[in-house]
PDB file of all heavy atoms in Angstrom:
ATOM      1  N   ALA A   1       4.072 -10.379   3.524  1.00  0.00           N
ATOM      2  CA  ALA A   1       4.131 -10.447   2.115  1.00  0.00           C
ATOM      3  C   ALA A   1       3.133  -9.462   1.484  1.00  0.00           C
ATOM      4  O   ALA A   1       3.472  -8.769   0.514  1.00  0.00           O
ATOM      5  CB  ALA A   1       3.772 -11.850   1.616  1.00  0.00           C
ATOM      6  N   THR A   2       1.961  -9.380   2.036  1.00  0.00           N
ATOM      7  CA  THR A   2       0.952  -8.424   1.490  1.00  0.00           C
ATOM      8  C   THR A   2       1.373  -7.005   1.737  1.00  0.00           C
ATOM      9  O   THR A   2       1.137  -6.109   0.872  1.00  0.00           O
ATOM     10  CB  THR A   2      -0.424  -8.706   2.181  1.00  0.00           C
ATOM     11  OG1 THR A   2      -0.766 -10.108   2.011  1.00  0.00           O
ATOM     12  CG2 THR A   2      -1.523  -7.868   1.498  1.00  0.00           C
ATOM     13  N   LEU A   3       2.016  -6.746   2.831  1.00  0.00           N
ATOM     14  CA  LEU A   3       2.517  -5.394   3.096  1.00  0.00           C
ATOM     15  C   LEU A   3       3.502  -4.953   1.986  1.00  0.00           C
ATOM     16  O   LEU A   3       3.420  -3.850   1.444  1.00  0.00           O
ATOM     17  CB  LEU A   3       3.165  -5.291   4.444  1.00  0.00           C
ATOM     18  CG  LEU A   3       3.788  -3.959   4.804  1.00  0.00           C
ATOM     19  CD1 LEU A   3       2.727  -2.887   4.977  1.00  0.00           C
ATOM     20  CD2 LEU A   3       4.565  -4.094   6.118  1.00  0.00           C
ATOM     21  N   SER A   4       4.384  -5.825   1.631  1.00  0.00           N
ATOM     22  CA  SER A   4       5.359  -5.569   0.555  1.00  0.00           C
ATOM     23  C   SER A   4       4.685  -5.367  -0.796  1.00  0.00           C
ATOM     24  O   SER A   4       5.056  -4.527  -1.587  1.00  0.00           O
ATOM     25  CB  SER A   4       6.379  -6.681   0.461  1.00  0.00           C
ATOM     26  OG  SER A   4       7.208  -6.741   1.619  1.00  0.00           O
ATOM     27  N   ALA A   5       3.657  -6.191  -1.039  1.00  0.00           N
ATOM     28  CA  ALA A   5       2.865  -6.065  -2.272  1.00  0.00           C
ATOM     29  C   ALA A   5       2.159  -4.724  -2.347  1.00  0.00           C
ATOM     30  O   ALA A   5       2.185  -4.045  -3.408  1.00  0.00           O
ATOM     31  CB  ALA A   5       1.859  -7.194  -2.392  1.00  0.00           C
ATOM     32  N   PHE A   6       1.623  -4.270  -1.255  1.00  0.00           N
ATOM     33  CA  PHE A   6       0.955  -2.943  -1.196  1.00  0.00           C
ATOM     34  C   PHE A   6       1.936  -1.845  -1.461  1.00  0.00           C
ATOM     35  O   PHE A   6       1.661  -0.857  -2.151  1.00  0.00           O
ATOM     36  CB  PHE A   6       0.240  -2.759   0.141  1.00  0.00           C
ATOM     37  CG  PHE A   6      -1.222  -3.106   0.077  1.00  0.00           C
ATOM     38  CD1 PHE A   6      -1.630  -4.385  -0.304  1.00  0.00           C
ATOM     39  CD2 PHE A   6      -2.195  -2.208   0.426  1.00  0.00           C
ATOM     40  CE1 PHE A   6      -2.953  -4.742  -0.318  1.00  0.00           C
ATOM     41  CE2 PHE A   6      -3.546  -2.512   0.383  1.00  0.00           C
ATOM     42  CZ  PHE A   6      -3.951  -3.782  -0.014  1.00  0.00           C
ATOM     43  N   LYS A   7       3.142  -1.964  -0.865  1.00  0.00           N
ATOM     44  CA  LYS A   7       4.177  -0.923  -1.101  1.00  0.00           C
ATOM     45  C   LYS A   7       4.552  -0.858  -2.556  1.00  0.00           C
ATOM     46  O   LYS A   7       4.726   0.218  -3.136  1.00  0.00           O
ATOM     47  CB  LYS A   7       5.401  -1.233  -0.230  1.00  0.00           C
ATOM     48  CG  LYS A   7       6.522  -0.238  -0.360  1.00  0.00           C
ATOM     49  CD  LYS A   7       6.116   1.130   0.215  1.00  0.00           C
ATOM     50  CE  LYS A   7       7.281   2.076   0.220  1.00  0.00           C
ATOM     51  NZ  LYS A   7       6.976   3.382   0.797  1.00  0.00           N
ATOM     52  N   THR A   8       4.697  -1.998  -3.153  1.00  0.00           N
ATOM     53  CA  THR A   8       5.051  -2.056  -4.597  1.00  0.00           C
ATOM     54  C   THR A   8       3.970  -1.429  -5.437  1.00  0.00           C
ATOM     55  O   THR A   8       4.228  -0.642  -6.352  1.00  0.00           O
ATOM     56  CB  THR A   8       5.262  -3.573  -5.017  1.00  0.00           C
ATOM     57  OG1 THR A   8       6.256  -4.133  -4.210  1.00  0.00           O
ATOM     58  CG2 THR A   8       5.715  -3.613  -6.526  1.00  0.00           C
ATOM     59  N   LEU A   9       2.711  -1.770  -5.226  1.00  0.00           N
ATOM     60  CA  LEU A   9       1.587  -1.200  -5.967  1.00  0.00           C
ATOM     61  C   LEU A   9       1.415   0.268  -5.740  1.00  0.00           C
ATOM     62  O   LEU A   9       1.070   1.038  -6.649  1.00  0.00           O
ATOM     63  CB  LEU A   9       0.288  -1.981  -5.649  1.00  0.00           C
ATOM     64  CG  LEU A   9       0.155  -3.378  -6.199  1.00  0.00           C
ATOM     65  CD1 LEU A   9      -1.032  -4.081  -5.527  1.00  0.00           C
ATOM     66  CD2 LEU A   9      -0.046  -3.318  -7.709  1.00  0.00           C
ATOM     67  N   ALA A  10       1.685   0.703  -4.498  1.00  0.00           N
ATOM     68  CA  ALA A  10       1.494   2.097  -4.150  1.00  0.00           C
ATOM     69  C   ALA A  10       2.422   2.968  -5.022  1.00  0.00           C
ATOM     70  O   ALA A  10       2.012   4.062  -5.507  1.00  0.00           O
ATOM     71  CB  ALA A  10       1.822   2.339  -2.694  1.00  0.00           C
ATOM     72  N   ARG A  11       3.620   2.515  -5.230  1.00  0.00           N
ATOM     73  CA  ARG A  11       4.582   3.371  -6.033  1.00  0.00           C
ATOM     74  C   ARG A  11       4.133   3.349  -7.498  1.00  0.00           C
ATOM     75  O   ARG A  11       4.274   4.381  -8.181  1.00  0.00           O
ATOM     76  CB  ARG A  11       5.973   2.745  -5.915  1.00  0.00           C
ATOM     77  CG  ARG A  11       6.570   2.905  -4.554  1.00  0.00           C
ATOM     78  CD  ARG A  11       7.945   2.180  -4.405  1.00  0.00           C
ATOM     79  NE  ARG A  11       8.910   2.787  -5.342  1.00  0.00           N
ATOM     80  CZ  ARG A  11       9.670   3.849  -5.007  1.00  0.00           C
ATOM     81  NH1 ARG A  11       9.530   4.392  -3.799  1.00  0.00           N
ATOM     82  NH2 ARG A  11      10.511   4.343  -5.849  1.00  0.00           N
ATOM     83  N   ASP A  12       3.557   2.245  -7.946  1.00  0.00           N
ATOM     84  CA  ASP A  12       3.155   2.160  -9.353  1.00  0.00           C
ATOM     85  C   ASP A  12       1.935   3.003  -9.641  1.00  0.00           C
ATOM     86  O   ASP A  12       1.733   3.523 -10.743  1.00  0.00           O
ATOM     87  CB  ASP A  12       2.888   0.679  -9.676  1.00  0.00           C
ATOM     88  CG  ASP A  12       2.648   0.481 -11.157  1.00  0.00           C
ATOM     89  OD1 ASP A  12       3.552   0.718 -11.934  1.00  0.00           O
ATOM     90  OD2 ASP A  12       1.512   0.051 -11.502  1.00  0.00           O
ATOM     91  N   LEU A  13       1.055   3.146  -8.630  1.00  0.00           N
ATOM     92  CA  LEU A  13      -0.271   3.772  -8.861  1.00  0.00           C
ATOM     93  C   LEU A  13      -0.362   5.167  -8.265  1.00  0.00           C
ATOM     94  O   LEU A  13      -1.396   5.830  -8.487  1.00  0.00           O
ATOM     95  CB  LEU A  13      -1.388   2.917  -8.266  1.00  0.00           C
ATOM     96  CG  LEU A  13      -1.551   1.527  -8.873  1.00  0.00           C
ATOM     97  CD1 LEU A  13      -2.479   0.673  -7.993  1.00  0.00           C
ATOM     98  CD2 LEU A  13      -2.115   1.661 -10.262  1.00  0.00           C
ATOM     99  N   ALA A  14       0.695   5.666  -7.688  1.00  0.00           N
ATOM    100  CA  ALA A  14       0.637   6.947  -7.035  1.00  0.00           C
ATOM    101  C   ALA A  14       0.250   8.105  -7.928  1.00  0.00           C
ATOM    102  O   ALA A  14      -0.365   9.089  -7.542  1.00  0.00           O
ATOM    103  CB  ALA A  14       1.944   7.257  -6.321  1.00  0.00           C
ATOM    104  N   GLY A  15       0.696   8.023  -9.199  1.00  0.00           N
ATOM    105  CA  GLY A  15       0.421   9.085 -10.138  1.00  0.00           C
ATOM    106  C   GLY A  15      -0.946   9.080 -10.736  1.00  0.00           C
ATOM    107  O   GLY A  15      -1.295   9.886 -11.583  1.00  0.00           O
ATOM    108  N   GLU A  16      -1.778   8.066 -10.339  1.00  0.00           N
ATOM    109  CA  GLU A  16      -3.114   7.939 -10.916  1.00  0.00           C
ATOM    110  C   GLU A  16      -4.236   8.272  -9.946  1.00  0.00           C
ATOM    111  O   GLU A  16      -5.377   7.891 -10.122  1.00  0.00           O
ATOM    112  CB  GLU A  16      -3.287   6.498 -11.466  1.00  0.00           C
ATOM    113  CG  GLU A  16      -2.288   6.150 -12.542  1.00  0.00           C
ATOM    114  CD  GLU A  16      -2.549   4.783 -13.161  1.00  0.00           C
ATOM    115  OE1 GLU A  16      -3.684   4.587 -13.631  1.00  0.00           O
ATOM    116  OE2 GLU A  16      -1.691   3.924 -13.114  1.00  0.00           O
ATOM    117  N   GLY A  17      -3.847   8.911  -8.779  1.00  0.00           N
ATOM    118  CA  GLY A  17      -4.904   9.279  -7.828  1.00  0.00           C
ATOM    119  C   GLY A  17      -5.345   8.076  -6.976  1.00  0.00           C
ATOM    120  O   GLY A  17      -6.381   8.195  -6.332  1.00  0.00           O
ATOM    121  N   ILE A  18      -4.548   7.004  -6.974  1.00  0.00           N
ATOM    122  CA  ILE A  18      -4.926   5.809  -6.222  1.00  0.00           C
ATOM    123  C   ILE A  18      -3.909   5.564  -5.146  1.00  0.00           C
ATOM    124  O   ILE A  18      -2.683   5.463  -5.422  1.00  0.00           O
ATOM    125  CB  ILE A  18      -5.038   4.556  -7.157  1.00  0.00           C
ATOM    126  CG1 ILE A  18      -6.059   4.844  -8.243  1.00  0.00           C
ATOM    127  CG2 ILE A  18      -5.338   3.332  -6.374  1.00  0.00           C
ATOM    128  CD1 ILE A  18      -6.028   3.804  -9.414  1.00  0.00           C
ATOM    129  N   THR A  19      -4.361   5.422  -3.890  1.00  0.00           N
ATOM    130  CA  THR A  19      -3.449   5.211  -2.817  1.00  0.00           C
ATOM    131  C   THR A  19      -3.659   3.792  -2.212  1.00  0.00           C
ATOM    132  O   THR A  19      -4.810   3.329  -2.228  1.00  0.00           O
ATOM    133  CB  THR A  19      -3.638   6.258  -1.670  1.00  0.00           C
ATOM    134  OG1 THR A  19      -4.937   6.114  -1.072  1.00  0.00           O
ATOM    135  CG2 THR A  19      -3.482   7.664  -2.223  1.00  0.00           C
ATOM    136  N   LEU A  20      -2.626   3.215  -1.710  1.00  0.00           N
ATOM    137  CA  LEU A  20      -2.664   1.944  -1.041  1.00  0.00           C
ATOM    138  C   LEU A  20      -1.897   2.034   0.245  1.00  0.00           C
ATOM    139  O   LEU A  20      -0.723   2.406   0.309  1.00  0.00           O
ATOM    140  CB  LEU A  20      -2.058   0.810  -1.866  1.00  0.00           C
ATOM    141  CG  LEU A  20      -2.753   0.442  -3.155  1.00  0.00           C
ATOM    142  CD1 LEU A  20      -2.176   1.174  -4.330  1.00  0.00           C
ATOM    143  CD2 LEU A  20      -2.708  -1.068  -3.390  1.00  0.00           C
ATOM    144  N   ASN A  21      -2.594   1.806   1.375  1.00  0.00           N
ATOM    145  CA  ASN A  21      -2.020   1.868   2.699  1.00  0.00           C
ATOM    146  C   ASN A  21      -2.412   0.670   3.534  1.00  0.00           C
ATOM    147  O   ASN A  21      -3.353  -0.054   3.204  1.00  0.00           O
ATOM    148  CB  ASN A  21      -2.424   3.151   3.387  1.00  0.00           C
ATOM    149  CG  ASN A  21      -1.844   4.392   2.699  1.00  0.00           C
ATOM    150  OD1 ASN A  21      -0.646   4.613   2.715  1.00  0.00           O
ATOM    151  ND2 ASN A  21      -2.684   5.167   2.041  1.00  0.00           N
ATOM    152  N   THR A  22      -1.690   0.477   4.582  1.00  0.00           N
ATOM    153  CA  THR A  22      -1.922  -0.661   5.444  1.00  0.00           C
ATOM    154  C   THR A  22      -2.049  -0.183   6.914  1.00  0.00           C
ATOM    155  O   THR A  22      -1.321   0.705   7.319  1.00  0.00           O
ATOM    156  CB  THR A  22      -0.809  -1.703   5.380  1.00  0.00           C
ATOM    157  OG1 THR A  22      -0.678  -2.106   4.043  1.00  0.00           O
ATOM    158  CG2 THR A  22      -1.043  -2.892   6.323  1.00  0.00           C
ATOM    159  N   VAL A  23      -2.998  -0.678   7.620  1.00  0.00           N
ATOM    160  CA  VAL A  23      -3.070  -0.418   9.113  1.00  0.00           C
ATOM    161  C   VAL A  23      -2.607  -1.685   9.858  1.00  0.00           C
ATOM    162  O   VAL A  23      -2.933  -2.807   9.458  1.00  0.00           O
ATOM    163  CB  VAL A  23      -4.491   0.016   9.554  1.00  0.00           C
ATOM    164  CG1 VAL A  23      -4.827   1.408   9.038  1.00  0.00           C
ATOM    165  CG2 VAL A  23      -5.528  -0.983   9.144  1.00  0.00           C
ATOM    166  N   LEU A  24      -1.876  -1.424  10.910  1.00  0.00           N
ATOM    167  CA  LEU A  24      -1.311  -2.514  11.711  1.00  0.00           C
ATOM    168  C   LEU A  24      -1.892  -2.472  13.131  1.00  0.00           C
ATOM    169  O   LEU A  24      -1.387  -1.785  14.031  1.00  0.00           O
ATOM    170  CB  LEU A  24       0.220  -2.337  11.803  1.00  0.00           C
ATOM    171  CG  LEU A  24       0.934  -2.155  10.474  1.00  0.00           C
ATOM    172  CD1 LEU A  24       2.462  -2.018  10.719  1.00  0.00           C
ATOM    173  CD2 LEU A  24       0.710  -3.332   9.508  1.00  0.00           C
ATOM    174  N   PRO A  25      -3.002  -3.168  13.328  1.00  0.00           N
ATOM    175  CA  PRO A  25      -3.635  -3.177  14.624  1.00  0.00           C
ATOM    176  C   PRO A  25      -2.775  -3.901  15.675  1.00  0.00           C
ATOM    177  O   PRO A  25      -2.124  -4.924  15.351  1.00  0.00           O
ATOM    178  CB  PRO A  25      -4.932  -3.922  14.462  1.00  0.00           C
ATOM    179  CG  PRO A  25      -5.101  -4.043  12.962  1.00  0.00           C
ATOM    180  CD  PRO A  25      -3.756  -3.994  12.342  1.00  0.00           C
ATOM    181  N   GLY A  26      -2.784  -3.365  16.869  1.00  0.00           N
ATOM    182  CA  GLY A  26      -2.215  -4.095  17.997  1.00  0.00           C
ATOM    183  C   GLY A  26      -3.271  -4.924  18.674  1.00  0.00           C
ATOM    184  O   GLY A  26      -4.009  -5.679  17.979  1.00  0.00           O
ATOM    185  N   ARG A  27      -3.351  -4.838  19.947  1.00  0.00           N
ATOM    186  CA  ARG A  27      -4.381  -5.598  20.679  1.00  0.00           C
ATOM    187  C   ARG A  27      -5.670  -4.879  20.709  1.00  0.00           C
ATOM    188  O   ARG A  27      -5.924  -4.017  21.571  1.00  0.00           O
ATOM    189  CB  ARG A  27      -3.848  -5.912  22.043  1.00  0.00           C
ATOM    190  CG  ARG A  27      -2.553  -6.742  22.039  1.00  0.00           C
ATOM    191  CD  ARG A  27      -2.063  -7.104  23.424  1.00  0.00           C
ATOM    192  NE  ARG A  27      -0.759  -7.712  23.385  1.00  0.00           N
ATOM    193  CZ  ARG A  27      -0.007  -8.054  24.437  1.00  0.00           C
ATOM    194  NH1 ARG A  27      -0.503  -7.801  25.664  1.00  0.00           N
ATOM    195  NH2 ARG A  27       1.153  -8.614  24.271  1.00  0.00           N
TER     196      ARG A  27
END
């Protein structure tokens, strides 16, 4: 759910110099 929220916010804020990304750790 948080991954989807970050994707939504990333599109909204991309034009303001603000990036939102997610890292997916394995083991």
